Amino acid sequence: MKIVELVLNESPVAGVEAVALVEEPAIEQDFYAFNAQKYYFETYNDYPQAAKDAAAMGIKRNEALGNPCATQVGKVRAQQLVNGEKLSLDTIRRMRSFLIRQKDNYDLAKQRRDYDACGYISYLLWGGEPALPWAEKKLRQAGEEFNTPLSIKEIDSDYSFKNIEHEIFKHIFAEEFDLEVGTLPTYVNEPVEKRRLIGALMEPNKLIRRYDEENDEEYFVYFTEETINKLAEKFMKDGNIHSSSIEHDGISIDGVSLIETWIVEDPEHDKSNLYNQQYTKGTWVGMYKIDNEDVWKKIKNKEIKGFSVEGMFLELLKTN
């Protein structure tokens, strides 16, 4: 496996030039948006062993064929399941959506006994048949309903919403019924349109998949903690706090500004914990203010979910 360390060289044009807002961050971390009720931060890894086994089988079958099936997101999801990593509710929602969309392709491949079909393998990578009921159970526990409206049975006589687990959803349902409900969690008390995002810009030693078109091969790149420190410092010195784009399209967008940034030194006591986020030591964290109406609409619609840096770096081959 080819692994390349990316470093900052002495060229004046080297370094992070801009931060793009993207749907699928390379470091697999979505930002947290100060948009009140719609964002919550529980994570879970109690998915059934059968889902882990399905993901492992999907990886095995895909590798045997040369990894032709699934997007990069699907391949990463399979590794998360096999490794028992925690999944956010947003990720679980994506899992449910994928498993529902691709069920027909999976069933067709099973019917034909075509176990090398990408429709079959991709479904396994996302946890297969055992993952769907688990995902729906978790989302229901979080207050989400599927195909059926909120019933009056879920409202207690004292309007306490005891049958609904999370305070955020109690508030949402109370508003729908024009009722009173208790105090909201502190992070929900933020103004609805504060329009600030907080998230990881770079994470040290995180292997990021890349594709070499010239040699037709997949490889990995990473940044060390030392390099990230240097890049963050140079980014600020170069005055790039207003340099942003959408999906690395090369078009600079107005109304997106970095208003606060820091390097995580002590994860347990880092400021990010105030926003129910936790990052590894050495992570470069940024807080952005979004004044651009179109960009904020994309964020609310979940068309963009995270940050991705762009710039010029020196490559040092580590393994091949």
Protein backbone atom coordinates (compact mmCIF):
# COMPACT_ATOMS: atom_id res chain seq x y z
CA MET A 1 0.00 0.00 0.00
CA LYS A 2 1.39 3.37 -1.04
CA ILE A 3 1.42 5.97 1.75
CA VAL A 4 2.61 9.55 1.23
CA GLU A 5 3.32 12.17 3.89
CA LEU A 6 2.36 15.70 2.83
CA VAL A 7 4.60 18.44 4.20
CA LEU A 8 5.08 22.19 3.91
CA ASN A 9 8.11 23.15 1.85
CA GLU A 10 9.89 26.51 1.63
CA SER A 11 8.03 27.77 -1.46
CA PRO A 12 6.10 31.00 -0.79
CA VAL A 13 3.07 29.56 -2.62
CA ALA A 14 3.04 26.33 -0.61
CA GLY A 15 0.50 25.68 2.12
CA VAL A 16 -3.27 25.76 2.54
CA GLU A 17 -4.72 28.31 0.12
CA ALA A 18 -8.41 27.89 0.91
CA VAL A 19 -10.96 25.79 2.77
CA ALA A 20 -13.71 24.25 0.68
CA LEU A 21 -17.19 23.42 1.94
CA VAL A 22 -17.95 19.89 0.75
CA GLU A 23 -20.59 17.19 1.04
CA GLU A 24 -18.12 14.40 1.84
CA PRO A 25 -15.09 15.59 3.86
CA ALA A 26 -11.94 13.58 3.18
CA ILE A 27 -11.27 13.27 6.91
CA GLU A 28 -14.80 11.87 7.41
CA GLN A 29 -15.85 14.50 9.94
CA ASP A 30 -18.90 16.67 9.45
CA PHE A 31 -19.01 20.14 10.94
CA TYR A 32 -21.49 21.23 13.62
CA ALA A 33 -23.84 24.00 12.51
CA PHE A 34 -25.43 26.38 15.01
CA ASN A 35 -28.85 25.80 13.49
CA ALA A 36 -30.80 24.88 16.62
CA GLN A 37 -33.02 21.84 16.69
CA LYS A 38 -31.85 19.94 13.65
CA TYR A 39 -28.37 19.02 14.96
CA TYR A 40 -27.64 16.53 17.72
CA PHE A 41 -24.54 14.64 18.69
CA GLU A 42 -25.11 11.17 20.07
CA THR A 43 -22.96 8.40 18.57
CA TYR A 44 -23.54 4.64 18.62
CA ASN A 45 -21.60 1.46 17.94
CA ASP A 46 -24.01 -1.17 19.25
CA TYR A 47 -24.94 -2.36 15.77
CA PRO A 48 -25.41 -6.14 15.54
CA GLN A 49 -22.51 -8.50 14.90
CA ALA A 50 -24.33 -9.62 11.77
CA ALA A 51 -23.95 -6.10 10.33
CA LYS A 52 -20.20 -6.21 11.05
CA ASP A 53 -19.99 -9.64 9.42
CA ALA A 54 -21.87 -8.39 6.35
CA ALA A 55 -19.48 -5.44 6.00
CA ALA A 56 -16.48 -7.76 6.37
CA MET A 57 -17.89 -10.07 3.70
CA GLY A 58 -18.50 -7.08 1.42
CA ILE A 59 -14.89 -5.93 1.83
CA LYS A 60 -13.62 -9.46 1.12
CA ARG A 61 -15.72 -9.91 -2.01
CA ASN A 62 -14.88 -6.43 -3.28
CA GLU A 63 -11.14 -6.94 -2.76
CA ALA A 64 -11.27 -10.27 -4.58
CA LEU A 65 -12.67 -8.43 -7.62
CA GLY A 66 -10.20 -5.54 -7.41
CA ASN A 67 -12.44 -3.14 -5.44
CA PRO A 68 -14.70 -2.09 -8.35
CA CYS A 69 -17.84 -1.66 -6.27
CA ALA A 70 -19.13 1.19 -4.10
CA THR A 71 -18.06 4.78 -3.67
CA GLN A 72 -15.27 5.79 -1.33
CA VAL A 73 -17.89 6.65 1.28
CA GLY A 74 -19.29 3.12 1.13
CA LYS A 75 -15.83 1.59 1.53
CA VAL A 76 -15.09 3.79 4.52
CA ARG A 77 -18.45 2.94 6.06
CA ALA A 78 -17.62 -0.76 5.83
CA GLN A 79 -14.31 -0.22 7.62
CA GLN A 80 -16.10 1.72 10.36
CA LEU A 81 -18.54 -1.14 10.91
CA VAL A 82 -15.86 -3.82 10.94
CA ASN A 83 -13.76 -1.79 13.39
CA GLY A 84 -16.72 -1.12 15.68
CA GLU A 85 -16.41 2.65 15.34
CA LYS A 86 -19.10 4.97 16.66
CA LEU A 87 -21.56 6.39 14.13
CA SER A 88 -23.39 9.69 14.44
CA LEU A 89 -27.14 9.93 13.94
CA ASP A 90 -26.49 11.73 10.67
CA THR A 91 -24.37 8.81 9.46
CA ILE A 92 -27.03 6.34 10.63
CA ARG A 93 -29.62 8.33 8.68
CA ARG A 94 -27.45 8.08 5.55
CA MET A 95 -27.06 4.36 6.18
CA ARG A 96 -30.82 3.87 6.33
CA SER A 97 -31.33 5.94 3.19
CA PHE A 98 -28.76 3.93 1.23
CA LEU A 99 -30.05 0.55 2.39
CA ILE A 100 -33.59 1.47 1.37
CA ARG A 101 -32.56 2.87 -2.02
CA GLN A 102 -30.40 -0.11 -2.93
CA LYS A 103 -32.63 -2.90 -1.57
CA ASP A 104 -34.06 -3.77 -5.00
CA ASN A 105 -30.58 -4.14 -6.53
CA TYR A 106 -29.49 -6.31 -3.61
CA ASP A 107 -32.59 -8.51 -3.82
CA LEU A 108 -32.18 -8.90 -7.58
CA ALA A 109 -28.57 -10.03 -7.18
CA LYS A 110 -29.63 -12.53 -4.49
CA GLN A 111 -32.41 -13.84 -6.69
CA ARG A 112 -29.92 -14.39 -9.52
CA ARG A 113 -27.30 -15.70 -7.09
CA ASP A 114 -24.93 -13.13 -8.52
CA TYR A 115 -22.88 -12.55 -5.40
CA ASP A 116 -20.21 -10.63 -7.32
CA ALA A 117 -22.71 -7.99 -8.45
CA CYS A 118 -21.91 -4.51 -7.19
CA GLY A 119 -25.50 -4.11 -6.05
CA TYR A 120 -24.98 -7.07 -3.73
CA ILE A 121 -21.49 -6.11 -2.52
CA SER A 122 -22.31 -2.44 -1.94
CA TYR A 123 -25.28 -3.42 0.19
CA LEU A 124 -23.06 -5.62 2.33
CA LEU A 125 -20.54 -2.81 2.78
CA TRP A 126 -23.22 -0.70 4.45
CA GLY A 127 -24.04 -3.51 6.90
CA GLY A 128 -26.46 -5.49 4.77
CA GLU A 129 -29.92 -6.62 5.86
CA PRO A 130 -29.18 -6.59 9.63
CA ALA A 131 -28.16 -2.91 9.52
CA LEU A 132 -31.48 -1.48 8.35
CA PRO A 133 -33.68 -2.44 11.33
CA TRP A 134 -30.88 -1.34 13.67
CA ALA A 135 -30.59 2.04 11.94
CA GLU A 136 -34.35 2.60 12.07
CA LYS A 137 -34.46 1.61 15.73
CA LYS A 138 -31.75 4.17 16.59
CA LEU A 139 -33.46 6.91 14.63
CA ARG A 140 -36.81 6.16 16.25
CA GLN A 141 -35.16 6.29 19.66
CA ALA A 142 -33.87 9.72 18.67
CA GLY A 143 -37.44 10.80 17.97
CA GLU A 144 -37.70 10.26 14.22
CA GLU A 145 -40.74 8.62 12.67
CA PHE A 146 -41.08 6.95 9.28
CA ASN A 147 -44.22 7.18 7.13
CA THR A 148 -46.51 7.78 10.10
CA PRO A 149 -47.21 11.16 11.71
CA LEU A 150 -46.70 11.86 15.39
CA SER A 151 -49.60 10.24 17.22
CA ILE A 152 -51.46 11.68 20.17
CA LYS A 153 -50.32 8.61 22.18
CA GLU A 154 -46.83 10.07 22.28
CA ILE A 155 -48.09 13.13 24.19
CA ASP A 156 -48.55 12.63 27.88
CA SER A 157 -51.46 14.25 29.72
CA ASP A 158 -49.10 16.75 31.31
CA TYR A 159 -47.44 17.50 27.95
CA SER A 160 -44.11 16.23 29.29
CA PHE A 161 -43.44 14.08 26.20
CA LYS A 162 -41.97 11.31 28.37
CA ASN A 163 -42.22 8.84 25.51
CA ILE A 164 -39.89 10.91 23.36
CA GLU A 165 -36.27 10.35 24.36
CA HIS A 166 -34.42 13.50 23.28
CA GLU A 167 -35.08 17.04 24.47
CA ILE A 168 -34.58 18.49 20.99
CA PHE A 169 -37.44 16.47 19.55
CA LYS A 170 -39.64 17.26 22.54
CA HIS A 171 -39.24 20.90 21.58
CA ILE A 172 -39.96 20.29 17.90
CA PHE A 173 -43.13 18.33 18.68
CA ALA A 174 -44.24 20.86 21.28
CA GLU A 175 -44.02 23.62 18.67
CA GLU A 176 -46.11 21.57 16.24
CA PHE A 177 -48.87 21.21 18.84
CA ASP A 178 -48.50 24.77 20.17
CA LEU A 179 -47.65 23.47 23.64
CA GLU A 180 -45.15 24.40 26.33
CA VAL A 181 -42.16 22.23 27.12
CA GLY A 182 -39.20 22.41 29.53
CA THR A 183 -35.87 24.15 29.11
CA LEU A 184 -33.88 23.12 26.07
CA PRO A 185 -30.27 21.89 26.18
CA THR A 186 -27.75 24.74 26.17
CA TYR A 187 -26.58 24.10 22.62
CA VAL A 188 -30.16 24.39 21.36
CA ASN A 189 -30.60 27.76 23.00
CA GLU A 190 -28.29 29.25 20.36
CA PRO A 191 -30.15 31.61 17.99
CA VAL A 192 -31.63 29.66 15.10
CA GLU A 193 -29.81 31.69 12.46
CA LYS A 194 -26.47 32.25 14.12
CA ARG A 195 -24.93 30.83 10.95
CA ARG A 196 -21.72 29.55 12.43
CA LEU A 197 -19.98 26.28 11.68
CA ILE A 198 -17.37 24.53 13.76
CA GLY A 199 -15.39 21.54 12.62
CA ALA A 200 -12.05 19.87 11.99
CA LEU A 201 -10.06 21.41 9.14
CA MET A 202 -7.17 18.92 9.40
CA GLU A 203 -6.57 15.87 11.60
CA PRO A 204 -3.02 14.55 12.23
CA ASN A 205 -2.00 11.13 10.94
CA LYS A 206 -5.42 10.55 9.39
CA LEU A 207 -5.01 8.41 6.27
CA ILE A 208 -6.84 10.10 3.38
CA ARG A 209 -7.56 8.11 0.24
CA ARG A 210 -6.38 9.50 -3.07
CA TYR A 211 -6.41 8.19 -6.64
CA ASP A 212 -3.45 8.41 -9.02
CA GLU A 213 -5.03 8.60 -12.48
CA GLU A 214 -1.68 8.37 -14.28
CA ASN A 215 -0.78 5.06 -12.63
CA ASP A 216 -4.39 3.95 -12.08
CA GLU A 217 -3.89 3.23 -8.40
CA GLU A 218 -5.33 4.17 -5.03
CA TYR A 219 -3.03 5.46 -2.31
CA PHE A 220 -3.11 7.32 1.00
CA VAL A 221 -1.78 10.67 2.19
CA TYR A 222 -1.48 12.13 5.68
CA PHE A 223 -0.25 15.17 7.61
CA THR A 224 1.72 15.05 10.85
CA GLU A 225 0.83 17.16 13.87
CA GLU A 226 3.91 19.31 13.28
CA THR A 227 2.99 19.97 9.66
CA ILE A 228 -0.58 20.88 10.56
CA ASN A 229 0.70 23.43 13.07
CA LYS A 230 2.87 25.04 10.41
CA LEU A 231 0.06 25.04 7.83
CA ALA A 232 -2.43 26.61 10.24
CA GLU A 233 0.04 29.35 11.16
CA LYS A 234 0.90 30.11 7.53
CA PHE A 235 -2.77 30.13 6.56
CA MET A 236 -3.41 32.92 9.04
CA LYS A 237 -0.23 34.84 8.17
CA ASP A 238 -1.18 34.77 4.49
CA GLY A 239 -4.57 36.29 5.31
CA ASN A 240 -6.64 33.46 3.84
CA ILE A 241 -9.53 33.67 6.29
CA HIS A 242 -11.96 34.66 3.51
CA SER A 243 -10.68 32.10 0.98
CA SER A 244 -13.36 29.47 0.46
CA SER A 245 -15.01 27.53 -2.34
CA ILE A 246 -17.68 24.89 -2.85
CA GLU A 247 -16.48 21.35 -3.60
CA HIS A 248 -13.03 22.62 -4.69
CA ASP A 249 -14.51 24.17 -7.83
CA GLY A 250 -11.85 26.92 -7.89
CA ILE A 251 -14.46 29.68 -7.64
CA SER A 252 -14.00 31.91 -4.61
CA ILE A 253 -17.24 32.60 -2.70
CA ASP A 254 -18.08 35.70 -0.68
CA GLY A 255 -19.68 35.73 2.74
CA VAL A 256 -17.76 32.79 4.22
CA SER A 257 -15.20 33.83 6.84
CA LEU A 258 -12.99 32.06 9.37
CA ILE A 259 -13.68 33.88 12.65
CA GLU A 260 -11.93 31.59 15.13
CA THR A 261 -9.34 28.83 14.90
CA TRP A 262 -7.13 26.75 17.17
CA ILE A 263 -5.08 23.58 17.48
CA VAL A 264 -6.38 20.99 19.95
CA GLU A 265 -3.81 20.47 22.72
CA ASP A 266 -5.88 18.72 25.38
CA PRO A 267 -8.90 16.87 23.87
CA GLU A 268 -10.56 16.34 27.25
CA HIS A 269 -10.61 20.07 28.09
CA ASP A 270 -10.71 21.55 24.59
CA LYS A 271 -13.19 24.29 23.75
CA SER A 272 -14.82 22.02 21.16
CA ASN A 273 -16.41 20.08 24.03
CA LEU A 274 -18.66 23.08 24.61
CA TYR A 275 -20.28 22.26 21.26
CA ASN A 276 -20.49 18.51 21.98
CA GLN A 277 -17.60 17.85 19.63
CA GLN A 278 -14.35 16.09 20.47
CA TYR A 279 -11.22 15.98 18.34
CA THR A 280 -7.87 14.23 18.65
CA LYS A 281 -4.75 16.06 19.85
CA GLY A 282 -3.20 18.16 17.11
CA THR A 283 -6.43 18.64 15.14
CA TRP A 284 -6.80 22.04 13.48
CA VAL A 285 -10.31 23.33 14.30
CA GLY A 286 -12.06 26.25 12.62
CA MET A 287 -15.21 28.25 13.23
CA TYR A 288 -16.74 29.87 10.15
CA LYS A 289 -19.40 32.57 9.86
CA ILE A 290 -21.74 32.14 6.90
CA ASP A 291 -23.28 35.37 5.57
CA ASN A 292 -23.85 33.99 2.08
CA GLU A 293 -27.55 33.12 1.66
CA ASP A 294 -27.00 30.46 -1.01
CA VAL A 295 -24.27 28.74 0.99
CA TRP A 296 -26.37 28.73 4.16
CA LYS A 297 -29.27 27.22 2.23
CA LYS A 298 -26.99 24.41 1.03
CA ILE A 299 -25.89 23.77 4.61
CA LYS A 300 -29.47 23.63 5.88
CA ASN A 301 -30.32 21.24 3.03
CA LYS A 302 -27.27 19.13 3.96
CA GLU A 303 -25.80 19.51 0.50
CA ILE A 304 -22.52 20.44 2.18
CA LYS A 305 -21.51 18.92 5.49
CA GLY A 306 -17.84 19.50 6.19
CA PHE A 307 -14.53 21.20 5.47
CA SER A 308 -11.75 20.19 3.08
CA VAL A 309 -8.47 22.09 2.74
CA GLU A 310 -6.86 22.82 -0.61
CA GLY A 311 -3.33 23.93 -1.35
CA MET A 312 0.17 22.94 -2.44
CA PHE A 313 2.19 20.40 -0.46
CA LEU A 314 5.42 18.46 -0.86
CA GLU A 315 4.99 14.68 -1.11
CA LEU A 316 7.29 12.32 0.82
CA LEU A 317 6.83 8.65 -0.06
CA LYS A 318 6.73 6.55 3.14
CA THR A 319 5.76 3.06 1.93
CA ASN A 320 5.02 1.49 -1.40
